[in-house]
Amino acid sequence: MSAPPAPDDRTRTLGVVESFVAVVKQCPSGSVRRMAENALAAVERGGAAVFPEQAFLVLTAVRGWQGERAAQVKRSLTAFLEGGA
C-alpha cells in the first residue's frame, strides 16, 4: 500500500471544494478570492448540484493566475468539468 500524497503535492488532482479553498487561500487576486468564497457559499447552500456551474465560474476567474498551484487548480477543475474527476 502506498503512502497518501503529501498535502503540498502539486501533481495530484484536487476535489472541487479543495480547488476553491486553494484559490481562497493562495490566489493573489482579491476579486478572484471573493469569487471562490462565493462559490463555496453556493455549494453550502446548493450542495453538489451547483458544482458544475461554480467550477466553471472559478475556472474562468483564475485564468490569469500563474504558478504550480494555479496549474493544479486549473487542471483539477478542467478534469471535473470534462467528467474525468
Protein backbone atom coordinates (compact mmCIF):
# COMPACT_ATOMS: atom_id res chain seq x y z
CA MET A 1 0.00 0.00 0.00
CA SER A 2 1.41 3.38 -0.96
CA ALA A 3 1.53 6.39 1.31
CA PRO A 4 -1.08 9.09 0.84
CA PRO A 5 0.05 12.09 -1.19
CA ALA A 6 1.76 14.91 0.68
CA PRO A 7 -0.52 17.91 1.29
CA ASP A 8 1.62 20.09 -0.97
CA ASP A 9 1.82 17.55 -3.82
CA ARG A 10 1.06 19.71 -6.85
CA THR A 11 0.70 16.74 -9.21
CA ARG A 12 -2.45 15.22 -7.76
CA THR A 13 -5.97 16.15 -8.82
CA LEU A 14 -7.84 18.26 -6.29
CA GLY A 15 -11.50 17.93 -5.48
CA VAL A 16 -13.83 20.77 -6.45
CA VAL A 17 -14.17 22.19 -2.94
CA GLU A 18 -10.46 21.69 -2.33
CA SER A 19 -9.76 23.68 -5.50
CA PHE A 20 -12.00 26.51 -4.35
CA VAL A 21 -10.26 26.59 -0.96
CA ALA A 22 -6.85 26.68 -2.66
CA VAL A 23 -7.99 29.74 -4.64
CA VAL A 24 -9.30 31.43 -1.49
CA LYS A 25 -6.08 30.81 0.41
CA GLN A 26 -3.45 31.23 -2.31
CA CYS A 27 -4.59 33.31 -5.28
CA PRO A 28 -3.10 36.82 -5.17
CA SER A 29 -6.17 38.47 -6.72
CA GLY A 30 -8.72 39.67 -4.20
CA SER A 31 -11.58 39.60 -6.70
CA VAL A 32 -10.78 36.00 -7.67
CA ARG A 33 -10.57 35.00 -3.99
CA ARG A 34 -14.03 36.56 -3.45
CA MET A 35 -15.37 34.61 -6.44
CA ALA A 36 -14.09 31.37 -4.88
CA GLU A 37 -15.58 32.36 -1.50
CA ASN A 38 -18.92 32.92 -3.24
CA ALA A 39 -18.56 29.51 -4.92
CA LEU A 40 -18.03 27.87 -1.53
CA ALA A 41 -21.12 29.66 -0.18
CA ALA A 42 -23.13 28.48 -3.19
CA VAL A 43 -22.00 24.89 -2.55
CA GLU A 44 -23.00 25.24 1.08
CA ARG A 45 -26.49 26.34 0.01
CA GLY A 46 -26.98 24.15 -3.06
CA GLY A 47 -24.81 21.11 -2.46
CA ALA A 48 -23.14 19.11 -5.19
CA ALA A 49 -25.77 20.14 -7.73
CA VAL A 50 -24.05 23.53 -8.11
CA PHE A 51 -20.54 22.09 -8.60
CA PRO A 52 -20.50 22.33 -12.42
CA GLU A 53 -21.64 25.96 -12.57
CA GLN A 54 -19.38 27.08 -9.75
CA ALA A 55 -16.39 25.13 -11.08
CA PHE A 56 -16.84 26.83 -14.45
CA LEU A 57 -17.07 30.28 -12.86
CA VAL A 58 -13.99 29.76 -10.70
CA LEU A 59 -12.01 28.23 -13.58
CA THR A 60 -12.85 31.26 -15.71
CA ALA A 61 -11.89 33.63 -12.89
CA VAL A 62 -8.45 32.05 -12.32
CA ARG A 63 -7.33 32.13 -15.94
CA GLY A 64 -4.73 34.83 -15.23
CA TRP A 65 -3.36 33.17 -12.08
CA GLN A 66 0.09 31.63 -12.69
CA GLY A 67 2.27 29.12 -10.88
CA GLU A 68 2.23 25.49 -9.79
CA ARG A 69 -0.82 25.73 -7.52
CA ALA A 70 -2.71 27.68 -10.19
CA ALA A 71 -1.92 25.00 -12.75
CA GLN A 72 -3.07 22.29 -10.33
CA VAL A 73 -6.37 24.10 -9.66
CA LYS A 74 -6.99 24.70 -13.37
CA ARG A 75 -6.15 21.10 -14.26
CA SER A 76 -8.38 19.77 -11.46
CA LEU A 77 -11.40 21.92 -12.33
CA THR A 78 -11.00 21.17 -16.03
CA ALA A 79 -10.90 17.44 -15.31
CA PHE A 80 -14.06 17.73 -13.22
CA LEU A 81 -15.89 19.67 -15.92
CA GLU A 82 -14.81 17.19 -18.59
CA GLY A 83 -16.11 14.33 -16.48
CA GLY A 84 -12.73 12.95 -15.50
CA ALA A 85 -12.98 13.64 -11.78
